[in-house]
C-alpha atoms as a PDB file:
ATOM      1  CA  ALA A   1     -32.461 -27.601  16.335  1.00  0.00           C
ATOM      2  CA  ASP A   2     -29.606 -27.216  13.877  1.00  0.00           C
ATOM      3  CA  ALA A   3     -31.439 -26.069  10.747  1.00  0.00           C
ATOM      4  CA  LEU A   4     -29.919 -23.751   7.982  1.00  0.00           C
ATOM      5  CA  HIS A   5     -32.162 -21.283   6.546  1.00  0.00           C
ATOM      6  CA  THR A   6     -31.254 -18.599   3.850  1.00  0.00           C
ATOM      7  CA  ASP A   7     -32.807 -14.912   4.244  1.00  0.00           C
ATOM      8  CA  ILE A   8     -32.939 -12.326   1.677  1.00  0.00           C
ATOM      9  CA  HIS A   9     -33.567  -8.436   1.851  1.00  0.00           C
ATOM     10  CA  VAL A  10     -33.348  -6.834  -1.758  1.00  0.00           C
ATOM     11  CA  ILE A  11     -33.926  -3.143  -2.513  1.00  0.00           C
ATOM     12  CA  GLY A  12     -33.814  -1.566  -5.722  1.00  0.00           C
ATOM     13  CA  CYS A  13     -34.925   1.523  -7.437  1.00  0.00           C
ATOM     14  CA  SER A  14     -35.122   3.431 -10.881  1.00  0.00           C
ATOM     15  CA  ASP A  15     -36.439   6.743 -11.736  1.00  0.00           C
ATOM     16  CA  PHE A  16     -39.865   5.724 -11.857  1.00  0.00           C
ATOM     17  CA  ASN A  17     -40.190   2.247  -9.872  1.00  0.00           C
ATOM     18  CA  GLY A  18     -38.924   0.978  -6.857  1.00  0.00           C
ATOM     19  CA  GLY A  19     -38.719  -2.288  -4.757  1.00  0.00           C
ATOM     20  CA  ASP A  20     -38.069  -3.514  -1.049  1.00  0.00           C
ATOM     21  CA  MET A  21     -38.523  -7.279  -0.391  1.00  0.00           C
ATOM     22  CA  PHE A  22     -38.127  -9.822   2.485  1.00  0.00           C
ATOM     23  CA  GLY A  23     -37.901 -13.197   1.847  1.00  0.00           C
ATOM     24  CA  LEU A  24     -36.957 -16.493   3.668  1.00  0.00           C
ATOM     25  CA  ASP A  25     -36.095 -20.062   2.364  1.00  0.00           C
ATOM     26  CA  ARG A  26     -37.137 -18.801  -1.251  1.00  0.00           C
ATOM     27  CA  GLU A  27     -40.256 -17.814  -0.024  1.00  0.00           C
ATOM     28  CA  GLU A  28     -41.469 -14.175  -0.254  1.00  0.00           C
ATOM     29  CA  LEU A  29     -42.306 -12.775   3.261  1.00  0.00           C
ATOM     30  CA  TRP A  30     -43.087  -9.313   2.728  1.00  0.00           C
ATOM     31  CA  TYR A  31     -42.783  -6.638   0.067  1.00  0.00           C
ATOM     32  CA  ALA A  32     -43.546  -2.674  -0.274  1.00  0.00           C
ATOM     33  CA  ASP A  33     -46.343  -2.050  -2.650  1.00  0.00           C
ATOM     34  CA  PHE A  34     -45.354   1.446  -3.491  1.00  0.00           C
ATOM     35  CA  GLU A  35     -48.369   2.255  -5.872  1.00  0.00           C
ATOM     36  CA  LYS A  36     -50.637   0.971  -3.085  1.00  0.00           C
ATOM     37  CA  GLN A  37     -48.769   2.732  -0.343  1.00  0.00           C
ATOM     38  CA  MET A  38     -48.649  -0.264   2.025  1.00  0.00           C
ATOM     39  CA  GLY A  39     -46.926  -3.338   2.657  1.00  0.00           C
ATOM     40  CA  VAL A  40     -48.137  -6.745   1.535  1.00  0.00           C
ATOM     41  CA  SER A  41     -47.618 -10.079   3.256  1.00  0.00           C
ATOM     42  CA  PRO A  42     -48.430 -12.504   0.665  1.00  0.00           C
ATOM     43  CA  GLN A  43     -48.357 -15.755   2.955  1.00  0.00           C
ATOM     44  CA  PRO A  44     -51.138 -18.079   3.009  1.00  0.00           C
ATOM     45  CA  SER A  45     -54.204 -17.773   5.247  1.00  0.00           C
ATOM     46  CA  PHE A  46     -53.805 -20.844   6.899  1.00  0.00           C
ATOM     47  CA  ILE A  47     -50.185 -19.773   8.686  1.00  0.00           C
ATOM     48  CA  ASP A  48     -50.203 -17.794  11.639  1.00  0.00           C
ATOM     49  CA  PRO A  49     -49.438 -14.361  10.197  1.00  0.00           C
ATOM     50  CA  ILE A  50     -46.084 -12.531  10.584  1.00  0.00           C
ATOM     51  CA  SER A  51     -46.021  -8.831  12.066  1.00  0.00           C
ATOM     52  CA  PHE A  52     -43.654  -6.320   9.817  1.00  0.00           C
ATOM     53  CA  LYS A  53     -44.596  -3.227  11.696  1.00  0.00           C
ATOM     54  CA  GLY A  54     -42.883  -0.176  10.704  1.00  0.00           C
ATOM     55  CA  PHE A  55     -41.395  -2.000   7.454  1.00  0.00           C
ATOM     56  CA  TYR A  56     -43.336   0.153   4.915  1.00  0.00           C
ATOM     57  CA  GLU A  57     -42.294   3.504   6.249  1.00  0.00           C
ATOM     58  CA  GLN A  58     -38.694   2.191   6.453  1.00  0.00           C
ATOM     59  CA  SER A  59     -38.935   1.126   2.681  1.00  0.00           C
ATOM     60  CA  VAL A  60     -40.148   4.568   1.677  1.00  0.00           C
ATOM     61  CA  ILE A  61     -36.890   5.837   3.404  1.00  0.00           C
ATOM     62  CA  ASN A  62     -34.849   3.036   1.629  1.00  0.00           C
ATOM     63  CA  LEU A  63     -36.354   4.496  -1.865  1.00  0.00           C
ATOM     64  CA  VAL A  64     -35.433   7.955  -1.297  1.00  0.00           C
ATOM     65  CA  ILE A  65     -31.938   6.835  -0.380  1.00  0.00           C
ATOM     66  CA  CYS A  66     -31.547   4.446  -3.065  1.00  0.00           C
ATOM     67  CA  ARG A  67     -32.455   7.329  -5.584  1.00  0.00           C
ATOM     68  CA  GLN A  68     -29.950   9.247  -4.246  1.00  0.00           C
ATOM     69  CA  ASN A  69     -27.290   6.928  -4.376  1.00  0.00           C
ATOM     70  CA  LEU A  70     -28.604   6.222  -7.931  1.00  0.00           C
ATOM     71  CA  GLN A  71     -27.695   9.996  -8.885  1.00  0.00           C
ATOM     72  CA  ILE A  72     -24.445   9.922  -7.113  1.00  0.00           C
ATOM     73  CA  THR A  73     -23.513   6.895  -9.030  1.00  0.00           C
ATOM     74  CA  ARG A  74     -24.509   8.641 -12.486  1.00  0.00           C
ATOM     75  CA  GLN A  75     -22.516  11.641 -11.547  1.00  0.00           C
ATOM     76  CA  GLY A  76     -19.590   9.303 -10.827  1.00  0.00           C
END
């Protein structure tokens, strides 16, 4: 099938907060909840679940890198 889809991956941070989210066709598929220290898949219960193994651990790494880049940008 020739269908066009739009996917998105957003990573952002500040000194106190951070975010890491994946989406497809304007729907949020997964995001990192750093306060609860876990990944969240907010899809409704009636669909087949999508697995995101290792995504939370990668999000923690992305947050560290984002904050390092933030400090470098401030120095520049």
